[in-house]
Amino acid sequence: RTRLRSDLGLTSQKVQVSVEGGQVTVGGQVESELTRK
């Protein structure tokens, strides 16, 4: 979450991060396919 905010300007209101057993899931909504990538 810290890297998403510092590198891409994405706050927890935009994208949500969950981790279970080391597996990362990111959800939410962004404005472009490039941001998703």
All heavy atoms as atom14 arrays in JSON, in Angstrom:
{
  "sequence": "RTRLRSDLGLTSQKVQVSVEGGQVTVGGQVESELTRK",
  "atom14_mask": [
    [1, 1, 1, 1, 1, 1, 1, 1, 1, 1, 1, 0, 0, 0],
    [1, 1, 1, 1, 1, 1, 1, 0, 0, 0, 0, 0, 0, 0],
    [1, 1, 1, 1, 1, 1, 1, 1, 1, 1, 1, 0, 0, 0],
    [1, 1, 1, 1, 1, 1, 1, 1, 0, 0, 0, 0, 0, 0],
    [1, 1, 1, 1, 1, 1, 1, 1, 1, 1, 1, 0, 0, 0],
    [1, 1, 1, 1, 1, 1, 0, 0, 0, 0, 0, 0, 0, 0],
    [1, 1, 1, 1, 1, 1, 1, 1, 0, 0, 0, 0, 0, 0],
    [1, 1, 1, 1, 1, 1, 1, 1, 0, 0, 0, 0, 0, 0],
    [1, 1, 1, 1, 0, 0, 0, 0, 0, 0, 0, 0, 0, 0],
    [1, 1, 1, 1, 1, 1, 1, 1, 0, 0, 0, 0, 0, 0],
    [1, 1, 1, 1, 1, 1, 1, 0, 0, 0, 0, 0, 0, 0],
    [1, 1, 1, 1, 1, 1, 0, 0, 0, 0, 0, 0, 0, 0],
    [1, 1, 1, 1, 1, 1, 1, 1, 1, 0, 0, 0, 0, 0],
    [1, 1, 1, 1, 1, 1, 1, 1, 1, 0, 0, 0, 0, 0],
    [1, 1, 1, 1, 1, 1, 1, 0, 0, 0, 0, 0, 0, 0],
    [1, 1, 1, 1, 1, 1, 1, 1, 1, 0, 0, 0, 0, 0],
    [1, 1, 1, 1, 1, 1, 1, 0, 0, 0, 0, 0, 0, 0],
    [1, 1, 1, 1, 1, 1, 0, 0, 0, 0, 0, 0, 0, 0],
    [1, 1, 1, 1, 1, 1, 1, 0, 0, 0, 0, 0, 0, 0],
    [1, 1, 1, 1, 1, 1, 1, 1, 1, 0, 0, 0, 0, 0],
    [1, 1, 1, 1, 0, 0, 0, 0, 0, 0, 0, 0, 0, 0],
    [1, 1, 1, 1, 0, 0, 0, 0, 0, 0, 0, 0, 0, 0],
    [1, 1, 1, 1, 1, 1, 1, 1, 1, 0, 0, 0, 0, 0],
    [1, 1, 1, 1, 1, 1, 1, 0, 0, 0, 0, 0, 0, 0],
    [1, 1, 1, 1, 1, 1, 1, 0, 0, 0, 0, 0, 0, 0],
    [1, 1, 1, 1, 1, 1, 1, 0, 0, 0, 0, 0, 0, 0],
    [1, 1, 1, 1, 0, 0, 0, 0, 0, 0, 0, 0, 0, 0],
    [1, 1, 1, 1, 0, 0, 0, 0, 0, 0, 0, 0, 0, 0],
    [1, 1, 1, 1, 1, 1, 1, 1, 1, 0, 0, 0, 0, 0],
    [1, 1, 1, 1, 1, 1, 1, 0, 0, 0, 0, 0, 0, 0],
    [1, 1, 1, 1, 1, 1, 1, 1, 1, 0, 0, 0, 0, 0],
    [1, 1, 1, 1, 1, 1, 0, 0, 0, 0, 0, 0, 0, 0],
    [1, 1, 1, 1, 1, 1, 1, 1, 1, 0, 0, 0, 0, 0],
    [1, 1, 1, 1, 1, 1, 1, 1, 0, 0, 0, 0, 0, 0],
    [1, 1, 1, 1, 1, 1, 1, 0, 0, 0, 0, 0, 0, 0],
    [1, 1, 1, 1, 1, 1, 1, 1, 1, 1, 1, 0, 0, 0],
    [1, 1, 1, 1, 1, 1, 1, 1, 1, 0, 0, 0, 0, 0]
  ],
  "atom14_positions": [
    [[0.83, -1.2, 0.0], [0.0, 0.0, 0.0], [0.87, 1.26, 0.0], [0.57, 2.25, -0.68], [-0.93, -0.01, 1.21], [-2.1, -0.99, 1.08], [-2.92, -1.06, 2.34], [-3.44, 0.24, 2.74], [-4.14, 0.44, 3.85], [-4.4, -0.57, 4.67], [-4.6, 1.64, 4.15], [0.0, 0.0, 0.0], [0.0, 0.0, 0.0], [0.0, 0.0, 0.0]],
    [[1.97, 1.22, 0.75], [2.88, 2.36, 0.81], [3.5, 2.62, -0.56], [3.59, 3.77, -1.01], [3.97, 2.13, 1.86], [3.37, 1.95, 3.15], [4.93, 3.31, 1.91], [0.0, 0.0, 0.0], [0.0, 0.0, 0.0], [0.0, 0.0, 0.0], [0.0, 0.0, 0.0], [0.0, 0.0, 0.0], [0.0, 0.0, 0.0], [0.0, 0.0, 0.0]],
    [[3.94, 1.55, -1.23], [4.55, 1.7, -2.56], [3.53, 2.17, -3.6], [3.86, 2.96, -4.48], [5.17, 0.37, -3.0], [6.49, 0.02, -2.31], [7.64, 0.86, -2.85], [7.8, 0.68, -4.28], [8.53, -0.31, -4.82], [9.14, -1.18, -4.04], [8.65, -0.4, -6.14], [0.0, 0.0, 0.0], [0.0, 0.0, 0.0], [0.0, 0.0, 0.0]],
    [[2.31, 1.66, -3.52], [1.28, 2.1, -4.46], [1.03, 3.6, -4.33], [0.85, 4.31, -5.34], [-0.02, 1.33, -4.21], [-0.06, -0.12, -4.69], [-1.3, -0.83, -4.14], [-0.04, -0.19, -6.21], [0.0, 0.0, 0.0], [0.0, 0.0, 0.0], [0.0, 0.0, 0.0], [0.0, 0.0, 0.0], [0.0, 0.0, 0.0], [0.0, 0.0, 0.0]],
    [[1.06, 4.11, -3.1], [0.83, 5.53, -2.88], [2.04, 6.36, -3.32], [1.89, 7.38, -3.99], [0.51, 5.79, -1.41], [0.15, 7.25, -1.11], [-0.37, 7.42, 0.32], [0.6, 6.99, 1.3], [0.49, 5.88, 2.04], [-0.56, 5.09, 1.9], [1.41, 5.55, 2.93], [0.0, 0.0, 0.0], [0.0, 0.0, 0.0], [0.0, 0.0, 0.0]],
    [[3.25, 5.91, -2.96], [4.44, 6.71, -3.26], [4.83, 6.64, -4.73], [5.26, 7.64, -5.31], [5.62, 6.24, -2.39], [5.97, 4.9, -2.7], [0.0, 0.0, 0.0], [0.0, 0.0, 0.0], [0.0, 0.0, 0.0], [0.0, 0.0, 0.0], [0.0, 0.0, 0.0], [0.0, 0.0, 0.0], [0.0, 0.0, 0.0], [0.0, 0.0, 0.0]],
    [[4.67, 5.47, -5.35], [5.11, 5.3, -6.74], [4.04, 5.71, -7.75], [4.36, 6.3, -8.8], [5.51, 3.85, -7.01], [6.8, 3.46, -6.32], [7.26, 4.2, -5.44], [7.34, 2.39, -6.65], [0.0, 0.0, 0.0], [0.0, 0.0, 0.0], [0.0, 0.0, 0.0], [0.0, 0.0, 0.0], [0.0, 0.0, 0.0], [0.0, 0.0, 0.0]],
    [[2.79, 5.38, -7.47], [1.73, 5.57, -8.46], [0.63, 6.53, -8.02], [-0.31, 6.78, -8.79], [1.11, 4.21, -8.82], [2.07, 3.15, -9.37], [1.35, 1.84, -9.6], [2.73, 3.63, -10.65], [0.0, 0.0, 0.0], [0.0, 0.0, 0.0], [0.0, 0.0, 0.0], [0.0, 0.0, 0.0], [0.0, 0.0, 0.0], [0.0, 0.0, 0.0]],
    [[0.73, 7.03, -6.81], [-0.28, 7.97, -6.33], [-1.63, 7.33, -6.08], [-2.65, 8.02, -6.08], [0.0, 0.0, 0.0], [0.0, 0.0, 0.0], [0.0, 0.0, 0.0], [0.0, 0.0, 0.0], [0.0, 0.0, 0.0], [0.0, 0.0, 0.0], [0.0, 0.0, 0.0], [0.0, 0.0, 0.0], [0.0, 0.0, 0.0], [0.0, 0.0, 0.0]],
    [[-1.65, 6.02, -5.85], [-2.91, 5.3, -5.64], [-3.13, 5.08, -4.16], [-2.37, 4.36, -3.5], [-2.87, 3.96, -6.38], [-2.79, 4.05, -7.91], [-2.6, 2.66, -8.51], [-4.03, 4.72, -8.48], [0.0, 0.0, 0.0], [0.0, 0.0, 0.0], [0.0, 0.0, 0.0], [0.0, 0.0, 0.0], [0.0, 0.0, 0.0], [0.0, 0.0, 0.0]],
    [[-4.15, 5.69, -3.61], [-4.48, 5.55, -2.2], [-5.36, 4.32, -1.98], [-5.85, 3.7, -2.94], [-5.2, 6.8, -1.69], [-6.46, 6.89, -2.36], [-4.38, 8.05, -1.96], [0.0, 0.0, 0.0], [0.0, 0.0, 0.0], [0.0, 0.0, 0.0], [0.0, 0.0, 0.0], [0.0, 0.0, 0.0], [0.0, 0.0, 0.0], [0.0, 0.0, 0.0]],
    [[-5.59, 4.01, -0.73], [-6.44, 2.86, -0.4], [-7.89, 3.09, -0.79], [-8.68, 2.15, -0.87], [-6.33, 2.55, 1.1], [-6.68, 3.68, 1.87], [0.0, 0.0, 0.0], [0.0, 0.0, 0.0], [0.0, 0.0, 0.0], [0.0, 0.0, 0.0], [0.0, 0.0, 0.0], [0.0, 0.0, 0.0], [0.0, 0.0, 0.0], [0.0, 0.0, 0.0]],
    [[-8.27, 4.34, -1.05], [-9.61, 4.61, -1.53], [-9.76, 4.2, -3.0], [-10.86, 3.86, -3.45], [-9.96, 6.1, -1.38], [-10.26, 6.55, 0.04], [-9.0, 6.62, 0.9], [-7.95, 7.04, 0.39], [-9.1, 6.23, 2.15], [0.0, 0.0, 0.0], [0.0, 0.0, 0.0], [0.0, 0.0, 0.0], [0.0, 0.0, 0.0], [0.0, 0.0, 0.0]],
    [[-8.64, 4.24, -3.73], [-8.67, 3.86, -5.14], [-8.52, 2.36, -5.32], [-9.27, 1.73, -6.09], [-7.52, 4.57, -5.87], [-7.83, 5.98, -6.31], [-8.65, 5.95, -7.6], [-8.84, 7.37, -8.13], [-9.71, 7.36, -9.33], [0.0, 0.0, 0.0], [0.0, 0.0, 0.0], [0.0, 0.0, 0.0], [0.0, 0.0, 0.0], [0.0, 0.0, 0.0]],
    [[-7.53, 1.79, -4.69], [-7.26, 0.35, -4.82], [-7.13, -0.26, -3.43], [-6.62, 0.37, -2.51], [-5.99, 0.08, -5.66], [-6.19, 0.5, -7.1], [-4.77, 0.77, -5.07], [0.0, 0.0, 0.0], [0.0, 0.0, 0.0], [0.0, 0.0, 0.0], [0.0, 0.0, 0.0], [0.0, 0.0, 0.0], [0.0, 0.0, 0.0], [0.0, 0.0, 0.0]],
    [[-7.58, -1.48, -3.31], [-7.53, -2.17, -2.04], [-6.62, -3.39, -2.16], [-6.65, -4.11, -3.16], [-8.93, -2.62, -1.61], [-9.91, -1.47, -1.36], [-10.46, -0.87, -2.65], [-10.93, -1.6, -3.52], [-10.4, 0.46, -2.76], [0.0, 0.0, 0.0], [0.0, 0.0, 0.0], [0.0, 0.0, 0.0], [0.0, 0.0, 0.0], [0.0, 0.0, 0.0]],
    [[-5.8, -3.56, -1.14], [-4.82, -4.65, -1.14], [-5.14, -5.62, -0.02], [-5.37, -5.21, 1.12], [-3.38, -4.1, -0.94], [-2.37, -5.24, -0.93], [-3.04, -3.07, -2.0], [0.0, 0.0, 0.0], [0.0, 0.0, 0.0], [0.0, 0.0, 0.0], [0.0, 0.0, 0.0], [0.0, 0.0, 0.0], [0.0, 0.0, 0.0], [0.0, 0.0, 0.0]],
    [[-5.14, -6.9, -0.35], [-5.26, -7.94, 0.67], [-4.18, -8.98, 0.42], [-3.78, -9.22, -0.73], [-6.65, -8.59, 0.64], [-6.86, -9.23, -0.6], [0.0, 0.0, 0.0], [0.0, 0.0, 0.0], [0.0, 0.0, 0.0], [0.0, 0.0, 0.0], [0.0, 0.0, 0.0], [0.0, 0.0, 0.0], [0.0, 0.0, 0.0], [0.0, 0.0, 0.0]],
    [[-3.68, -9.58, 1.49], [-2.62, -10.59, 1.38], [-3.0, -11.77, 2.25], [-3.33, -11.61, 3.43], [-1.25, -10.02, 1.83], [-0.17, -11.08, 1.66], [-0.9, -8.76, 1.06], [0.0, 0.0, 0.0], [0.0, 0.0, 0.0], [0.0, 0.0, 0.0], [0.0, 0.0, 0.0], [0.0, 0.0, 0.0], [0.0, 0.0, 0.0], [0.0, 0.0, 0.0]],
    [[-2.93, -12.94, 1.66], [-3.23, -14.16, 2.41], [-2.22, -15.24, 2.03], [-2.14, -15.64, 0.86], [-4.64, -14.66, 2.12], [-5.05, -15.86, 2.96], [-6.5, -16.24, 2.77], [-7.25, -15.46, 2.16], [-6.87, -17.32, 3.23], [0.0, 0.0, 0.0], [0.0, 0.0, 0.0], [0.0, 0.0, 0.0], [0.0, 0.0, 0.0], [0.0, 0.0, 0.0]],
    [[-1.44, -15.65, 3.0], [-0.41, -16.65, 2.73], [0.62, -16.17, 1.72], [1.2, -16.97, 0.98], [0.0, 0.0, 0.0], [0.0, 0.0, 0.0], [0.0, 0.0, 0.0], [0.0, 0.0, 0.0], [0.0, 0.0, 0.0], [0.0, 0.0, 0.0], [0.0, 0.0, 0.0], [0.0, 0.0, 0.0], [0.0, 0.0, 0.0], [0.0, 0.0, 0.0]],
    [[0.86, -14.87, 1.7], [1.83, -14.3, 0.77], [1.26, -13.98, -0.59], [1.93, -13.34, -1.41], [0.0, 0.0, 0.0], [0.0, 0.0, 0.0], [0.0, 0.0, 0.0], [0.0, 0.0, 0.0], [0.0, 0.0, 0.0], [0.0, 0.0, 0.0], [0.0, 0.0, 0.0], [0.0, 0.0, 0.0], [0.0, 0.0, 0.0], [0.0, 0.0, 0.0]],
    [[0.03, -14.41, -0.88], [-0.6, -14.12, -2.16], [-1.31, -12.78, -2.1], [-2.14, -12.54, -1.23], [-1.58, -15.22, -2.55], [-2.22, -14.99, -3.91], [-2.98, -16.2, -4.41], [-2.42, -17.05, -5.1], [-4.23, -16.3, -4.03], [0.0, 0.0, 0.0], [0.0, 0.0, 0.0], [0.0, 0.0, 0.0], [0.0, 0.0, 0.0], [0.0, 0.0, 0.0]],
    [[-0.99, -11.93, -3.06], [-1.47, -10.55, -3.06], [-2.67, -10.43, -4.0], [-2.61, -10.86, -5.16], [-0.36, -9.58, -3.51], [-0.88, -8.14, -3.52], [0.85, -9.7, -2.6], [0.0, 0.0, 0.0], [0.0, 0.0, 0.0], [0.0, 0.0, 0.0], [0.0, 0.0, 0.0], [0.0, 0.0, 0.0], [0.0, 0.0, 0.0], [0.0, 0.0, 0.0]],
    [[-3.73, -9.82, -3.51], [-4.89, -9.5, -4.34], [-5.1, -8.0, -4.3], [-5.12, -7.39, -3.23], [-6.15, -10.21, -3.82], [-5.94, -11.62, -3.83], [-7.35, -9.87, -4.7], [0.0, 0.0, 0.0], [0.0, 0.0, 0.0], [0.0, 0.0, 0.0], [0.0, 0.0, 0.0], [0.0, 0.0, 0.0], [0.0, 0.0, 0.0], [0.0, 0.0, 0.0]],
    [[-5.22, -7.41, -5.48], [-5.47, -5.97, -5.56], [-6.77, -5.75, -6.32], [-6.97, -6.28, -7.42], [-4.32, -5.22, -6.28], [-4.63, -3.72, -6.36], [-3.0, -5.44, -5.56], [0.0, 0.0, 0.0], [0.0, 0.0, 0.0], [0.0, 0.0, 0.0], [0.0, 0.0, 0.0], [0.0, 0.0, 0.0], [0.0, 0.0, 0.0], [0.0, 0.0, 0.0]],
    [[-7.68, -5.0, -5.72], [-8.94, -4.65, -6.35], [-9.13, -3.16, -6.36], [-8.28, -2.4, -5.89], [0.0, 0.0, 0.0], [0.0, 0.0, 0.0], [0.0, 0.0, 0.0], [0.0, 0.0, 0.0], [0.0, 0.0, 0.0], [0.0, 0.0, 0.0], [0.0, 0.0, 0.0], [0.0, 0.0, 0.0], [0.0, 0.0, 0.0], [0.0, 0.0, 0.0]],
    [[-10.25, -2.73, -6.9], [-10.53, -1.3, -6.96], [-10.78, -0.86, -8.38], [-11.05, -1.68, -9.27], [0.0, 0.0, 0.0], [0.0, 0.0, 0.0], [0.0, 0.0, 0.0], [0.0, 0.0, 0.0], [0.0, 0.0, 0.0], [0.0, 0.0, 0.0], [0.0, 0.0, 0.0], [0.0, 0.0, 0.0], [0.0, 0.0, 0.0], [0.0, 0.0, 0.0]],
    [[-10.64, 0.43, -8.61], [-10.96, 0.99, -9.92], [-9.94, 2.04, -10.29], [-9.6, 2.91, -9.48], [-12.36, 1.59, -9.89], [-12.89, 2.0, -11.26], [-14.4, 2.24, -11.21], [-15.18, 1.31, -11.03], [-14.8, 3.49, -11.36], [0.0, 0.0, 0.0], [0.0, 0.0, 0.0], [0.0, 0.0, 0.0], [0.0, 0.0, 0.0], [0.0, 0.0, 0.0]],
    [[-9.41, 1.96, -11.52], [-8.44, 2.93, -12.01], [-8.92, 3.48, -13.35], [-9.85, 2.94, -13.96], [-7.03, 2.31, -12.17], [-6.49, 1.86, -10.83], [-7.07, 1.14, -13.17], [0.0, 0.0, 0.0], [0.0, 0.0, 0.0], [0.0, 0.0, 0.0], [0.0, 0.0, 0.0], [0.0, 0.0, 0.0], [0.0, 0.0, 0.0], [0.0, 0.0, 0.0]],
    [[-8.26, 4.55, -13.82], [-8.74, 5.26, -15.0], [-8.2, 4.72, -16.31], [-8.67, 5.1, -17.38], [-8.39, 6.75, -14.9], [-9.25, 7.54, -13.91], [-8.91, 7.21, -12.47], [-7.78, 6.76, -12.22], [-9.79, 7.4, -11.6], [0.0, 0.0, 0.0], [0.0, 0.0, 0.0], [0.0, 0.0, 0.0], [0.0, 0.0, 0.0], [0.0, 0.0, 0.0]],
    [[-7.17, 3.86, -16.27], [-6.6, 3.4, -17.54], [-6.02, 2.0, -17.41], [-5.66, 1.55, -16.3], [-5.51, 4.36, -18.02], [-4.36, 4.26, -17.2], [0.0, 0.0, 0.0], [0.0, 0.0, 0.0], [0.0, 0.0, 0.0], [0.0, 0.0, 0.0], [0.0, 0.0, 0.0], [0.0, 0.0, 0.0], [0.0, 0.0, 0.0], [0.0, 0.0, 0.0]],
    [[-5.91, 1.35, -18.55], [-5.29, 0.03, -18.6], [-3.82, 0.11, -18.23], [-3.27, -0.81, -17.6], [-5.45, -0.55, -20.01], [-4.86, -1.95, -20.2], [-5.58, -3.02, -19.4], [-6.72, -2.78, -18.95], [-4.98, -4.09, -19.19], [0.0, 0.0, 0.0], [0.0, 0.0, 0.0], [0.0, 0.0, 0.0], [0.0, 0.0, 0.0], [0.0, 0.0, 0.0]],
    [[-3.16, 1.21, -18.59], [-1.75, 1.37, -18.25], [-1.55, 1.42, -16.73], [-0.58, 0.87, -16.2], [-1.17, 2.63, -18.88], [-0.76, 2.54, -20.35], [-0.26, 3.89, -20.85], [0.32, 1.48, -20.53], [0.0, 0.0, 0.0], [0.0, 0.0, 0.0], [0.0, 0.0, 0.0], [0.0, 0.0, 0.0], [0.0, 0.0, 0.0], [0.0, 0.0, 0.0]],
    [[-2.47, 2.08, -16.02], [-2.38, 2.12, -14.56], [-2.53, 0.73, -13.99], [-1.81, 0.34, -13.07], [-3.46, 3.06, -13.98], [-3.29, 4.37, -14.53], [-3.34, 3.13, -12.47], [0.0, 0.0, 0.0], [0.0, 0.0, 0.0], [0.0, 0.0, 0.0], [0.0, 0.0, 0.0], [0.0, 0.0, 0.0], [0.0, 0.0, 0.0], [0.0, 0.0, 0.0]],
    [[-3.46, -0.03, -14.54], [-3.65, -1.4, -14.06], [-2.38, -2.23, -14.27], [-1.97, -3.0, -13.38], [-4.83, -2.05, -14.8], [-5.25, -3.41, -14.23], [-6.4, -4.0, -15.01], [-5.98, -4.43, -16.33], [-5.36, -5.6, -16.58], [-5.12, -6.44, -15.58], [-5.01, -5.91, -17.79], [0.0, 0.0, 0.0], [0.0, 0.0, 0.0], [0.0, 0.0, 0.0]],
    [[-1.75, -2.06, -15.42], [-0.51, -2.79, -15.69], [0.63, -2.33, -14.79], [1.48, -3.13, -14.39], [-0.12, -2.62, -17.16], [-1.03, -3.35, -18.13], [-0.57, -3.16, -19.57], [-1.44, -3.93, -20.54], [-1.01, -3.77, -21.95], [0.0, 0.0, 0.0], [0.0, 0.0, 0.0], [0.0, 0.0, 0.0], [0.0, 0.0, 0.0], [0.0, 0.0, 0.0]]
  ]
}
